[in-house]
Protein backbone atom coordinates (compact mmCIF):
# COMPACT_ATOMS: atom_id res chain seq x y z
CA UNK A 1 -10.31 -31.69 -39.32
CA UNK A 2 -10.09 -32.16 -35.54
CA UNK A 3 -7.93 -29.71 -33.63
CA UNK A 4 -5.02 -32.04 -32.93
CA UNK A 5 -4.51 -33.58 -36.37
CA UNK A 6 -2.35 -31.27 -38.44
CA UNK A 7 -3.09 -30.87 -42.12
CA UNK A 8 -0.54 -32.46 -44.47
CA UNK A 9 0.90 -29.07 -45.36
CA UNK A 10 1.30 -27.97 -41.73
CA UNK A 11 4.76 -27.29 -40.34
CA UNK A 12 6.01 -28.20 -36.83
CA UNK A 13 5.72 -25.63 -34.08
CA UNK A 14 8.89 -23.63 -33.40
CA UNK A 15 9.36 -24.11 -29.64
CA UNK A 16 13.10 -24.61 -29.30
CA UNK A 17 15.50 -23.44 -28.03
CA UNK A 18 13.75 -24.20 -24.76
CA UNK A 19 15.16 -25.14 -21.38
CA UNK A 20 17.45 -28.18 -21.66
CA UNK A 21 15.16 -30.32 -19.53
CA UNK A 22 12.46 -30.17 -22.22
CA UNK A 23 14.92 -31.54 -24.76
CA UNK A 24 15.69 -34.34 -22.32
CA UNK A 25 12.00 -35.06 -21.81
CA UNK A 26 11.34 -35.07 -25.57
CA UNK A 27 14.17 -37.50 -26.10
CA UNK A 28 12.96 -39.85 -23.38
CA UNK A 29 9.38 -39.79 -24.67
CA UNK A 30 10.71 -40.47 -28.15
CA UNK A 31 12.66 -43.49 -26.93
CA UNK A 32 9.41 -45.19 -25.85
CA UNK A 33 7.34 -44.32 -28.94
CA UNK A 34 8.47 -47.27 -31.13
CA UNK A 35 6.82 -49.73 -28.74
CA UNK A 36 3.56 -47.75 -28.62
CA UNK A 37 3.23 -46.78 -32.28
CA UNK A 38 5.11 -49.75 -33.74
CA UNK A 39 7.16 -47.23 -35.74
CA UNK A 40 10.79 -46.25 -35.32
CA UNK A 41 10.77 -43.11 -37.48
CA UNK A 42 8.79 -40.75 -35.27
CA UNK A 43 10.24 -37.56 -33.82
CA UNK A 44 8.67 -36.36 -30.57
CA UNK A 45 8.62 -32.81 -29.24
CA UNK A 46 7.30 -32.05 -25.77
CA UNK A 47 7.53 -28.42 -24.66
CA UNK A 48 5.30 -25.52 -23.65
CA UNK A 49 3.67 -24.15 -26.79
CA UNK A 50 4.00 -27.33 -28.83
CA UNK A 51 0.94 -29.13 -30.17
CA UNK A 52 -0.06 -26.86 -33.07
CA UNK A 53 -2.58 -24.96 -30.90
CA UNK A 54 -3.95 -28.23 -29.52
CA UNK A 55 -3.08 -30.44 -26.50
CA UNK A 56 -1.09 -32.65 -28.88
CA UNK A 57 -0.74 -33.12 -32.59
CA UNK A 58 0.37 -35.68 -35.15
CA UNK A 59 1.87 -34.34 -38.38
CA UNK A 60 0.59 -36.68 -41.04
CA UNK A 61 3.43 -36.44 -43.56
CA UNK A 62 6.33 -35.46 -41.27
CA UNK A 63 6.39 -38.47 -38.91
CA UNK A 64 6.31 -36.01 -36.02
CA UNK A 65 4.38 -35.83 -32.75
CA UNK A 66 4.04 -32.76 -30.58
CA UNK A 67 2.69 -32.59 -27.02
CA UNK A 68 2.08 -29.27 -25.30
CA UNK A 69 4.24 -29.14 -22.18
CA UNK A 70 1.55 -27.37 -20.18
CA UNK A 71 -0.04 -30.78 -19.67
CA UNK A 72 2.92 -31.89 -17.57
CA UNK A 73 1.86 -31.39 -13.92
CA UNK A 74 3.48 -28.40 -12.23
CA UNK A 75 5.11 -30.60 -9.59
CA UNK A 76 6.92 -32.76 -12.16
CA UNK A 77 10.39 -31.62 -13.20
CA UNK A 78 10.87 -32.49 -16.91
CA UNK A 79 14.43 -33.54 -16.14
CA UNK A 80 13.23 -36.26 -13.73
CA UNK A 81 10.86 -38.19 -15.98
CA UNK A 82 11.77 -41.82 -16.54
CA UNK A 83 9.11 -43.16 -18.93
CA UNK A 84 11.04 -46.40 -19.45
CA UNK A 85 9.58 -47.29 -16.03
CA UNK A 86 5.88 -47.87 -16.55
CA UNK A 87 5.13 -46.87 -12.99
CA UNK A 88 6.75 -43.48 -13.45
CA UNK A 89 4.35 -42.52 -16.23
CA UNK A 90 1.41 -42.10 -13.87
CA UNK A 91 3.06 -38.91 -12.54
CA UNK A 92 2.33 -37.29 -15.89
CA UNK A 93 -0.63 -39.39 -16.99
CA UNK A 94 -2.31 -36.76 -19.15
CA UNK A 95 0.84 -35.96 -21.14
CA UNK A 96 1.53 -39.66 -21.65
CA UNK A 97 -2.08 -40.25 -22.68
CA UNK A 98 -1.81 -37.49 -25.29
CA UNK A 99 1.37 -39.08 -26.60
CA UNK A 100 -0.38 -42.47 -26.74
CA UNK A 101 -3.30 -41.01 -28.70
CA UNK A 102 -0.96 -39.47 -31.25
CA UNK A 103 0.95 -42.77 -31.48
CA UNK A 104 -2.39 -44.39 -32.34
CA UNK A 105 -2.76 -41.87 -35.16
CA UNK A 106 0.80 -42.57 -36.28
CA UNK A 107 0.11 -46.29 -36.56
CA UNK A 108 -3.50 -46.40 -37.71
CA UNK A 109 -4.21 -43.14 -39.60
CA UNK A 110 -2.84 -44.53 -42.83
CA UNK A 111 -5.45 -43.27 -45.27
CA UNK A 112 -5.35 -39.76 -46.75
CA UNK A 113 -8.18 -37.65 -48.07
CA UNK A 114 -8.25 -38.37 -51.82
CA UNK A 115 -8.28 -35.51 -54.32
CA UNK A 116 -11.82 -34.42 -55.16
CA UNK A 117 -13.34 -36.09 -52.11
CA UNK A 118 -16.62 -34.50 -50.98
CA UNK A 119 -15.51 -32.01 -48.29
CA UNK A 120 -18.42 -32.68 -45.95
CA UNK A 121 -17.97 -36.47 -46.15
CA UNK A 122 -14.20 -36.15 -45.70
CA UNK A 123 -14.64 -33.96 -42.60
CA UNK A 124 -17.06 -36.49 -41.12
CA UNK A 125 -14.63 -39.34 -41.91
CA UNK A 126 -11.85 -37.50 -40.07
CA UNK A 127 -14.23 -37.04 -37.13
CA UNK A 128 -14.92 -40.78 -37.09
CA UNK A 129 -11.17 -41.38 -37.19
CA UNK A 130 -10.79 -40.23 -33.55
CA UNK A 131 -12.56 -43.16 -31.96
CA UNK A 132 -11.52 -45.57 -34.75
CA UNK A 133 -7.79 -45.22 -34.08
CA UNK A 134 -8.28 -45.53 -30.31
CA UNK A 135 -10.33 -48.71 -30.77
CA UNK A 136 -7.60 -50.08 -33.05
CA UNK A 137 -4.91 -49.14 -30.54
CA UNK A 138 -6.71 -50.99 -27.75
CA UNK A 139 -7.06 -54.11 -29.89
CA UNK A 140 -3.32 -54.00 -30.44
CA UNK A 141 -2.30 -52.77 -26.96
CA UNK A 142 -5.12 -53.15 -24.37
CA UNK A 143 -2.83 -51.80 -21.65
CA UNK A 144 -3.01 -48.34 -23.22
CA UNK A 145 -6.60 -47.82 -22.04
CA UNK A 146 -5.40 -46.27 -18.77
CA UNK A 147 -3.45 -43.61 -20.65
CA UNK A 148 -6.14 -42.90 -23.25
CA UNK A 149 -8.65 -42.35 -20.45
CA UNK A 150 -6.23 -39.94 -18.81
CA UNK A 151 -6.15 -37.74 -21.91
CA UNK A 152 -9.76 -38.14 -23.11
CA UNK A 153 -10.96 -35.01 -21.31
CA UNK A 154 -8.34 -32.78 -22.93
CA UNK A 155 -8.98 -34.17 -26.39
CA UNK A 156 -12.76 -33.92 -26.13
CA UNK A 157 -12.65 -30.34 -24.87
CA UNK A 158 -10.17 -29.37 -27.59
CA UNK A 159 -12.16 -30.98 -30.42
CA UNK A 160 -15.59 -29.79 -29.27
CA UNK A 161 -14.37 -26.33 -28.13
CA UNK A 162 -16.87 -26.59 -25.28
CA UNK A 163 -14.91 -24.05 -23.22
CA UNK A 164 -14.67 -21.50 -26.03
CA UNK A 165 -17.60 -19.02 -25.82
CA UNK A 166 -17.15 -18.06 -29.46
CA UNK A 167 -17.19 -21.60 -30.84
CA UNK A 168 -18.88 -23.80 -28.20
CA UNK A 169 -21.44 -26.33 -29.45
CA UNK A 170 -24.97 -25.07 -29.77
CA UNK A 171 -28.23 -26.95 -29.76
CA UNK A 172 -28.07 -27.86 -33.44
CA UNK A 173 -28.33 -31.29 -34.97
CA UNK A 174 -24.86 -30.97 -36.50
CA UNK A 175 -23.20 -30.01 -33.18
CA UNK A 176 -25.05 -32.77 -31.34
CA UNK A 177 -23.96 -35.36 -33.91
CA UNK A 178 -20.38 -34.16 -33.77
CA UNK A 179 -20.41 -34.32 -29.97
CA UNK A 180 -21.85 -37.83 -30.06
CA UNK A 181 -19.12 -38.94 -32.48
CA UNK A 182 -16.36 -37.52 -30.28
CA UNK A 183 -17.76 -38.58 -26.89
CA UNK A 184 -20.24 -41.45 -27.17
CA UNK A 185 -18.20 -43.27 -29.82
CA UNK A 186 -15.37 -43.58 -27.32
CA UNK A 187 -17.67 -45.80 -25.24
CA UNK A 188 -18.03 -48.27 -28.11
CA UNK A 189 -14.30 -47.91 -28.75
CA UNK A 190 -13.58 -49.19 -25.24
CA UNK A 191 -12.06 -46.03 -23.73
CA UNK A 192 -14.97 -44.53 -21.78
CA UNK A 193 -17.86 -46.00 -19.79
CA UNK A 194 -21.51 -45.27 -20.55
CA UNK A 195 -22.10 -44.02 -17.01
CA UNK A 196 -19.43 -41.33 -17.47
CA UNK A 197 -21.08 -39.89 -20.60
CA UNK A 198 -24.70 -40.21 -19.47
CA UNK A 199 -25.33 -36.46 -19.34
CA UNK A 200 -24.06 -35.85 -22.87
CA UNK A 201 -26.09 -38.79 -24.13
CA UNK A 202 -29.30 -37.38 -22.63
CA UNK A 203 -28.82 -33.97 -24.26
CA UNK A 204 -27.74 -35.45 -27.60
CA UNK A 205 -30.69 -37.84 -27.62
CA UNK A 206 -33.02 -34.94 -26.91
CA UNK A 207 -31.70 -33.08 -29.98
CA UNK A 208 -31.28 -35.97 -32.43
CA UNK A 209 -33.93 -38.42 -31.34
CA UNK A 210 -33.52 -42.14 -30.76
CA UNK A 211 -33.50 -43.20 -34.41
CA UNK A 212 -30.87 -40.71 -35.56
CA UNK A 213 -28.61 -41.48 -32.61
CA UNK A 214 -28.97 -45.22 -33.33
CA UNK A 215 -28.04 -44.62 -36.98
CA UNK A 216 -24.94 -42.64 -35.94
CA UNK A 217 -23.92 -45.36 -33.50
CA UNK A 218 -24.14 -47.94 -36.30
CA UNK A 219 -21.89 -45.73 -38.45
CA UNK A 220 -19.11 -45.26 -35.90
CA UNK A 221 -19.25 -48.92 -34.91
CA UNK A 222 -18.70 -49.78 -38.58
CA UNK A 223 -15.81 -47.31 -38.67
CA UNK A 224 -14.16 -49.12 -35.77
CA UNK A 225 -13.88 -52.20 -37.98
CA UNK A 226 -12.52 -50.45 -41.08
CA UNK A 227 -8.96 -51.31 -42.10
CA UNK A 228 -6.35 -48.59 -41.63
CA UNK A 229 -5.82 -48.09 -45.37
CA UNK A 230 -9.43 -48.37 -46.56
CA UNK A 231 -10.01 -44.76 -47.57
CA UNK A 232 -13.07 -45.58 -49.68
CA UNK A 233 -14.86 -47.13 -46.73
CA UNK A 234 -14.11 -44.15 -44.50
CA UNK A 235 -15.31 -41.61 -47.08
CA UNK A 236 -18.48 -43.64 -47.60
CA UNK A 237 -19.11 -43.72 -43.85
CA UNK A 238 -18.54 -39.98 -43.81
CA UNK A 239 -21.15 -39.57 -46.51
CA UNK A 240 -23.64 -41.68 -44.58
CA UNK A 241 -22.91 -39.61 -41.46
CA UNK A 242 -23.79 -36.41 -43.33
CA UNK A 243 -26.98 -37.87 -44.71
CA UNK A 244 -28.14 -39.03 -41.28
CA UNK A 245 -27.40 -35.63 -39.74
CA UNK A 246 -28.89 -33.69 -42.63
CA UNK A 247 -25.64 -32.09 -43.85
CA UNK A 248 -24.60 -31.88 -47.48
CA UNK A 249 -21.72 -34.36 -48.10
CA UNK A 250 -20.52 -32.26 -51.05
CA UNK A 251 -20.36 -29.05 -49.01
CA UNK A 252 -17.96 -28.07 -46.21
CA UNK A 253 -19.40 -28.63 -42.73
CA UNK A 254 -21.42 -25.70 -41.36
CA UNK A 255 -19.78 -23.05 -39.20
CA UNK A 256 -20.11 -23.72 -35.53
CA UNK A 257 -20.90 -21.03 -32.95
CA UNK A 258 -23.60 -19.12 -31.17
CA UNK A 259 -24.57 -17.29 -34.34
CA UNK A 260 -25.51 -20.49 -36.12
CA UNK A 261 -29.03 -19.91 -37.45
CA UNK A 262 -30.04 -23.44 -36.55
CA UNK A 263 -29.24 -22.95 -32.88
CA UNK A 264 -32.11 -23.32 -30.46
CA UNK A 265 -32.99 -20.47 -28.08
CA UNK A 266 -30.76 -20.03 -25.08
CA UNK A 267 -27.63 -21.27 -26.80
CA UNK A 268 -26.12 -17.90 -27.58
CA UNK A 269 -25.58 -14.49 -26.02
CA UNK A 270 -22.48 -15.68 -24.16
CA UNK A 271 -24.42 -18.29 -22.17
CA UNK A 272 -23.16 -21.89 -22.75
CA UNK A 273 -25.77 -24.07 -24.37
CA UNK A 274 -27.10 -27.10 -22.48
CA UNK A 275 -25.00 -29.21 -24.85
CA UNK A 276 -21.80 -27.28 -24.02
CA UNK A 277 -22.61 -27.53 -20.31
CA UNK A 278 -23.19 -31.26 -20.65
CA UNK A 279 -19.80 -31.67 -22.36
CA UNK A 280 -17.91 -29.83 -19.63
CA UNK A 281 -19.77 -31.72 -16.89
CA UNK A 282 -19.00 -35.00 -18.63
CA UNK A 283 -15.35 -34.03 -18.92
CA UNK A 284 -15.30 -33.50 -15.15
CA UNK A 285 -16.99 -36.87 -14.59
CA UNK A 286 -14.45 -38.62 -16.84
CA UNK A 287 -11.55 -36.99 -15.02
CA UNK A 288 -12.96 -38.03 -11.64
CA UNK A 289 -13.62 -41.61 -12.73
CA UNK A 290 -10.25 -41.97 -14.43
CA UNK A 291 -8.49 -40.85 -11.25
CA UNK A 292 -9.71 -44.04 -9.56
CA UNK A 293 -8.39 -46.35 -12.29
CA UNK A 294 -5.65 -48.76 -11.12
CA UNK A 295 -2.42 -47.56 -12.70
CA UNK A 296 -0.15 -49.93 -14.63
CA UNK A 297 3.18 -50.38 -12.95
CA UNK A 298 6.37 -52.42 -13.01
CA UNK A 299 8.51 -54.23 -10.47
CA UNK A 300 11.18 -51.53 -10.35
CA UNK A 301 8.66 -48.79 -9.59
CA UNK A 302 6.91 -50.92 -6.99
CA UNK A 303 10.23 -51.50 -5.24
CA UNK A 304 11.16 -47.82 -5.40
CA UNK A 305 7.78 -46.71 -4.07
CA UNK A 306 7.95 -49.29 -1.27
CA UNK A 307 11.44 -48.08 -0.36
CA UNK A 308 10.28 -44.46 -0.37
CA UNK A 309 7.26 -45.32 1.79
CA UNK A 310 9.50 -47.23 4.21
CA UNK A 311 11.94 -44.33 4.42
CA UNK A 312 9.07 -41.95 5.11
CA UNK A 313 7.70 -44.26 7.82
CA UNK A 314 11.11 -44.48 9.47
CA UNK A 315 11.47 -40.70 9.35
CA UNK A 316 8.11 -40.31 11.10
CA UNK A 317 9.12 -42.91 13.68
CA UNK A 318 12.37 -41.10 14.43
CA UNK A 319 10.49 -37.82 14.83
CA UNK A 320 8.05 -39.43 17.24
CA UNK A 321 10.93 -41.02 19.18
CA UNK A 322 12.67 -37.67 19.49
CA UNK A 323 9.46 -36.08 20.74
CA UNK A 324 8.95 -38.89 23.24
CA UNK A 325 12.45 -39.54 24.55
CA UNK A 326 14.30 -36.35 23.62
CA UNK A 327 12.19 -33.69 25.32
CA UNK A 328 11.78 -32.75 28.95
CA UNK A 329 8.47 -34.07 30.20
CA UNK A 330 6.35 -32.12 32.64
CA UNK A 331 6.18 -34.34 35.74
CA UNK A 332 2.49 -33.60 36.02
CA UNK A 333 1.95 -34.89 32.48
CA UNK A 334 3.55 -38.30 33.03
CA UNK A 335 1.70 -41.52 33.76
CA UNK A 336 4.06 -42.64 36.55
CA UNK A 337 3.32 -42.65 40.25
CA UNK A 338 6.80 -43.19 41.70
CA UNK A 339 9.01 -46.24 42.04
CA UNK A 340 9.55 -49.11 44.42
CA UNK A 341 12.18 -51.73 45.00
CA UNK A 342 11.66 -54.96 43.08
CA UNK A 343 10.58 -57.97 45.05
CA UNK A 344 12.77 -61.08 45.24
CA UNK A 345 10.27 -62.98 43.12
CA UNK A 346 10.46 -60.27 40.44
CA UNK A 347 14.28 -60.46 40.38
CA UNK A 348 14.10 -64.23 40.03
CA UNK A 349 11.55 -63.90 37.23
CA UNK A 350 13.77 -61.40 35.41
CA UNK A 351 16.74 -63.82 35.48
CA UNK A 352 14.56 -66.69 34.28
CA UNK A 353 13.27 -64.53 31.43
CA UNK A 354 16.83 -63.46 30.59
CA UNK A 355 17.84 -67.06 30.01
CA UNK A 356 14.86 -67.50 27.69
CA UNK A 357 15.64 -64.31 25.78
CA UNK A 358 19.31 -65.33 25.42
CA UNK A 359 18.35 -68.39 23.41
CA UNK A 360 15.25 -66.93 21.74
CA UNK A 361 17.16 -65.38 18.87
CA UNK A 362 19.60 -68.27 18.33
CA UNK A 363 19.43 -69.72 14.85
CA UNK A 364 19.78 -73.42 14.08
CA UNK A 365 23.20 -74.72 13.13
CA UNK A 366 24.01 -74.65 9.44
CA UNK A 367 25.11 -77.89 7.76
CA UNK A 368 27.57 -77.90 4.85
CA UNK A 369 29.01 -80.84 2.90
CA UNK A 370 32.56 -80.46 1.58
CA UNK A 371 34.77 -82.75 -0.51
CA UNK A 372 38.53 -83.17 -0.43
CA UNK A 373 41.34 -85.18 -1.99
CA UNK A 374 42.63 -86.46 1.36
CA UNK A 375 41.02 -87.50 4.67
CA UNK A 376 39.32 -86.85 7.02
CA UNK A 377 35.95 -87.78 5.63
CA UNK A 378 33.99 -90.67 4.26
CA UNK A 379 35.51 -92.36 1.23
CA UNK A 380 33.27 -92.39 -1.83
CA UNK A 381 34.14 -95.48 -3.93
CA UNK A 382 33.12 -93.81 -7.17
CA UNK A 383 35.34 -90.82 -6.46
CA UNK A 384 38.28 -93.12 -5.56
CA UNK A 385 37.87 -95.07 -8.81
CA UNK A 386 37.80 -91.81 -10.79
CA UNK A 387 41.00 -90.64 -9.11
CA UNK A 388 42.69 -94.01 -9.81
CA UNK A 389 41.67 -93.89 -13.47
CA UNK A 390 43.08 -90.36 -13.77
CA UNK A 391 46.43 -91.44 -12.30
CA UNK A 392 46.57 -94.50 -14.57
CA UNK A 393 46.05 -92.27 -17.56
CA UNK A 394 48.94 -90.06 -16.47
CA UNK A 395 46.65 -87.14 -15.69
CA UNK A 396 46.69 -85.07 -12.54
CA UNK A 397 43.93 -86.40 -10.28
CA UNK A 398 41.10 -83.88 -9.80
CA UNK A 399 38.55 -86.16 -8.16
CA UNK A 400 37.84 -85.53 -4.48
CA UNK A 401 36.76 -88.91 -3.06
CA UNK A 402 36.45 -87.86 0.60
CA UNK A 403 33.33 -86.10 1.88
CA UNK A 404 32.58 -84.73 5.32
CA UNK A 405 29.84 -82.66 6.94
CA UNK A 406 30.59 -79.51 8.90
CA UNK A 407 28.14 -77.81 11.25
CA UNK A 408 28.40 -74.26 12.44
CA UNK A 409 26.27 -72.43 14.97
CA UNK A 410 25.15 -69.04 13.72
CA UNK A 411 25.89 -66.38 16.36
CA UNK A 412 22.83 -65.08 18.18
CA UNK A 413 21.98 -61.59 16.97
CA UNK A 414 21.66 -58.66 19.37
CA UNK A 415 18.25 -58.07 20.90
CA UNK A 416 16.15 -54.93 20.85
CA UNK A 417 13.07 -54.92 23.06
CA UNK A 418 10.33 -52.28 23.12
CA UNK A 419 7.61 -52.30 25.77
CA UNK A 420 4.36 -50.32 25.59
CA UNK A 421 2.11 -50.22 28.67
CA UNK A 422 -1.55 -49.26 28.58
CA UNK A 423 -2.45 -46.99 31.52
CA UNK A 424 -5.98 -46.06 30.49
CA UNK A 425 -9.09 -46.51 32.59
CA UNK A 426 -9.89 -50.04 31.45
CA UNK A 427 -6.52 -51.20 32.86
CA UNK A 428 -6.97 -49.64 36.33
CA UNK A 429 -7.42 -52.96 38.11
CA UNK A 430 -4.23 -54.36 36.55
CA UNK A 431 -1.71 -51.55 37.07
CA UNK A 432 0.38 -53.59 39.51
CA UNK A 433 0.77 -56.62 37.18
CA UNK A 434 1.48 -54.25 34.29
CA UNK A 435 4.20 -52.42 36.23
CA UNK A 436 5.72 -55.71 37.38
CA UNK A 437 5.68 -57.24 33.90
CA UNK A 438 7.24 -54.11 32.40
CA UNK A 439 10.10 -54.14 34.91
CA UNK A 440 10.74 -57.87 34.52
CA UNK A 441 10.90 -57.55 30.73
CA UNK A 442 13.16 -54.48 30.79
CA UNK A 443 15.45 -55.78 33.55
CA UNK A 444 15.76 -59.22 31.96
CA UNK A 445 17.64 -57.65 29.05
CA UNK A 446 20.41 -56.66 31.50
CA UNK A 447 21.07 -60.33 32.27
CA UNK A 448 21.06 -61.74 28.75
CA UNK A 449 24.24 -63.10 27.22
CA UNK A 450 23.62 -61.17 23.98
CA UNK A 451 23.75 -57.38 23.59
CA UNK A 452 20.27 -56.11 24.41
CA UNK A 453 18.66 -52.69 24.32
CA UNK A 454 15.26 -51.90 25.80
CA UNK A 455 12.91 -48.95 26.06
CA UNK A 456 9.58 -48.66 27.83
CA UNK A 457 6.72 -46.21 27.32
CA UNK A 458 3.22 -45.74 28.64
CA UNK A 459 0.28 -44.53 26.59
CA UNK A 460 -2.92 -42.87 27.73
CA UNK A 461 -4.71 -39.50 27.70
CA UNK A 462 -3.59 -39.18 24.09
CA UNK A 463 0.06 -39.03 25.20
CA UNK A 464 3.09 -41.31 25.12
CA UNK A 465 5.53 -40.86 27.98
CA UNK A 466 8.89 -42.59 28.52
CA UNK A 467 9.49 -44.90 31.45
CA UNK A 468 12.86 -46.37 30.45
CA UNK A 469 15.03 -44.63 27.88
CA UNK A 470 16.82 -46.74 25.23
CA UNK A 471 19.82 -48.50 26.71
CA UNK A 472 18.94 -47.81 30.36
CA UNK A 473 18.33 -50.64 32.84
CA UNK A 474 15.63 -49.92 35.41
CA UNK A 475 16.87 -50.64 38.90
CA UNK A 476 13.48 -50.03 40.49
CA UNK A 477 9.93 -50.88 39.50
CA UNK A 478 8.02 -47.88 38.14
CA UNK A 479 4.44 -47.73 39.33
CA UNK A 480 1.77 -46.21 37.10
CA UNK A 481 -1.21 -43.96 37.39
CA UNK A 482 -4.27 -45.18 35.54
CA UNK A 483 -7.70 -43.92 34.63
CA UNK A 484 -6.74 -42.06 31.49
CA UNK A 485 -8.57 -42.09 28.17
CA UNK A 486 -7.18 -41.63 24.68
CA UNK A 487 -5.30 -44.79 23.65
CA UNK A 488 -2.35 -43.44 21.65
CA UNK A 489 -1.20 -46.93 20.69
CA UNK A 490 -0.14 -45.73 17.23
CA UNK A 491 2.18 -43.09 18.69
CA UNK A 492 3.56 -45.60 21.20
CA UNK A 493 4.45 -48.11 18.49
CA UNK A 494 5.97 -45.40 16.32
CA UNK A 495 8.06 -43.99 19.19
CA UNK A 496 9.50 -47.39 20.08
CA UNK A 497 10.21 -48.14 16.42
CA UNK A 498 12.08 -44.86 16.02
CA UNK A 499 14.04 -45.29 19.25
CA UNK A 500 15.02 -48.94 18.78
CA UNK A 501 14.92 -49.39 14.98
CA UNK A 502 12.39 -52.17 15.36
CA UNK A 503 11.68 -52.11 11.61
CA UNK A 504 15.33 -52.66 10.60
CA UNK A 505 16.24 -56.34 10.16
CA UNK A 506 19.70 -56.16 11.71
CA UNK A 507 18.87 -57.64 15.12
CA UNK A 508 16.37 -59.85 16.91
CA UNK A 509 13.53 -57.45 17.66
CA UNK A 510 10.57 -57.83 19.97
CA UNK A 511 7.71 -55.43 20.65
CA UNK A 512 5.71 -56.19 23.80
CA UNK A 513 2.32 -54.54 24.26
CA UNK A 514 0.61 -54.86 27.63
CA UNK A 515 -3.02 -53.95 27.14
CA UNK A 516 -6.59 -55.16 26.84
CA UNK A 517 -6.75 -53.73 23.30
CA UNK A 518 -9.95 -51.76 23.88
CA UNK A 519 -8.91 -48.80 21.72
CA UNK A 520 -10.63 -46.09 19.74
CA UNK A 521 -10.91 -46.79 16.02
CA UNK A 522 -8.99 -43.59 15.27
CA UNK A 523 -5.87 -44.97 16.97
CA UNK A 524 -6.34 -48.72 16.60
CA UNK A 525 -6.57 -48.67 12.82
CA UNK A 526 -3.31 -46.76 12.22
CA UNK A 527 -1.73 -48.72 15.08
CA UNK A 528 -2.60 -51.98 13.29
CA UNK A 529 -0.96 -50.69 10.11
CA UNK A 530 2.22 -49.83 12.04
CA UNK A 531 2.18 -53.22 13.73
CA UNK A 532 1.72 -54.99 10.38
CA UNK A 533 4.67 -53.06 8.97
CA UNK A 534 6.89 -54.15 11.88
CA UNK A 535 5.88 -57.78 11.46
CA UNK A 536 6.51 -57.58 7.70
CA UNK A 537 10.03 -56.38 8.49
CA UNK A 538 10.70 -59.28 10.86
CA UNK A 539 9.87 -57.74 14.25
CA UNK A 540 8.08 -60.13 16.61
CA UNK A 541 5.08 -58.83 18.55
CA UNK A 542 4.10 -60.25 21.95
CA UNK A 543 0.77 -59.16 23.40
CA UNK A 544 0.25 -59.54 27.16
CA UNK A 545 -3.42 -59.16 27.98
CA UNK A 546 -5.02 -58.98 31.46
CA UNK A 547 -6.95 -61.93 32.80
CA UNK A 548 -10.43 -60.53 32.19
CA UNK A 549 -13.21 -60.86 29.61
CA UNK A 550 -13.60 -58.46 26.70
CA UNK A 551 -9.96 -58.25 25.56
CA UNK A 552 -9.50 -57.13 21.95
CA UNK A 553 -5.86 -57.66 20.98
CA UNK A 554 -4.64 -56.58 17.57
CA UNK A 555 -4.23 -59.03 14.72
CA UNK A 556 -1.02 -60.93 14.03
CA UNK A 557 0.37 -60.96 17.59
CA UNK A 558 1.64 -63.76 19.80
CA UNK A 559 -0.92 -63.68 22.61
CA UNK A 560 -0.38 -64.47 26.29
CA UNK A 561 -2.74 -63.85 29.20
CA UNK A 562 -1.02 -62.11 32.10
CA UNK A 563 -1.80 -63.27 35.62
CA UNK A 564 1.03 -62.88 38.15
CA UNK A 565 4.18 -61.94 36.16
CA UNK A 566 6.50 -63.33 38.87
CA UNK A 567 4.79 -66.71 38.65
CA UNK A 568 4.50 -66.83 34.88
CA UNK A 569 7.95 -65.57 33.84
CA UNK A 570 8.63 -68.91 32.22
CA UNK A 571 5.41 -68.65 30.21
CA UNK A 572 6.27 -65.09 29.18
CA UNK A 573 9.72 -66.30 28.10
CA UNK A 574 8.17 -69.08 26.04
CA UNK A 575 5.77 -66.63 24.45
CA UNK A 576 8.63 -64.23 23.68
CA UNK A 577 10.66 -67.07 22.15
CA UNK A 578 7.69 -68.17 20.05
CA UNK A 579 7.13 -64.60 18.88
CA UNK A 580 10.76 -64.17 17.86
CA UNK A 581 11.02 -67.52 16.12
CA UNK A 582 7.74 -66.93 14.26
CA UNK A 583 9.49 -64.15 12.31
CA UNK A 584 12.31 -66.32 10.92
């Protein structure tokens, strides 16, 4: 009898009264069991100490399942589990896998050991039952493989006792055959992969030999095809198993432990045998491989996880904005080099750009057709005839024969504009055009006919420093120092997002990056992820690159080559409009 299948005469474990949250968890697990076991009479208990001295247990004649609560991860509060959401189950994958395994027993372990059955053959049949019921469960519910893999390690270690110095497998033929039936058979059952059990297979093959292992594999593969209620077939397979291994079918299975007289040298004296070591190493390999399995999920969980990830991203952005705009900056640590008065051409360019930005966020007029009983509108003959027929019949006319089209202009949303200027060494020759473009963009917002908020930052030397705080209008052009390294583009994007809410779709939003894009991988890769997130949330991205070879702008941007900003304000405005409208 394997450790987690209770004998028919066994009684449930007394674990309650326990903390109320364990009762809640047991109830919620029990609510999902009918779908997994295809039975509606099962009672589930999940609590520390449950499981009948095993990770989990199915009580054959009591329609009861127990799962030891210690297999719930320490960071999971039992009161918070929501197993009706498939995606929530991955938080407690092992516990859910143990429940799934016992549900497989509840559905497929129909046969009972008949009176007078040979004890050795019956024990072998019960051993074969472990992989048989999992194979049957996967034929019925293939989606349960993820959960069975999550619990395979615990079940294998419990049934083989590989971690128990007093009862760990030794280098005997019986222990090797039992290990093969509990571990290698799960490969043919569809739960494990051959690569994961390679170490156990090598040790088992060394003990049993190729022919014996092949005979055992034929036996458990036959067991996988046996009907749930065919007790005769299972006992016969158990008998064959004993004969192949060299056990007596009519005798109880031999005691297992280091004192077994058939053990090979080096398997006792408190030192784990090579077989026991192979089992524990394989258990580790299974756990590692199973951790990379794609978890089943559902739409609700996906939405909740996306919302949580978005909230976390916004929290990080706000923190970065506070660090950038809310702290006093050491003047020696800034990237600015003073200010100057804007030229007339720059003022003109700013007003031209303002007119473009005013209309950039305007939506097309909406068209709606309405009907009415009386004019104005176009008369529909069919509707008029229906109304006349209703009046002739003495009924109150309900037909509306007149139709007209109304058009309404959707108000332009407010505008939020973030500007990030690259002041690193590769931009040294372009610091004047960068400074001019930054001022024109920021000052243009002051002249728009829609509410506009701007903020400007520079990035270089691994720092992000503010040039224009949110809501402020720069009266003078800020000139920049250049020659820095360390392109903190990711921090710049995050700071502007946090300061201007660029990721919230409640305004027309535009992020302008003035740079050649020659960044370090360590900042460009996370910066691209932040940029992709902004675009996914409807924020337009305009990239102004210098007029030089070797530019490497990020993906997904509206690109424009910057020459003289005062002469190309119209082109910048068109690019900004295209960037904003591309997000509709």
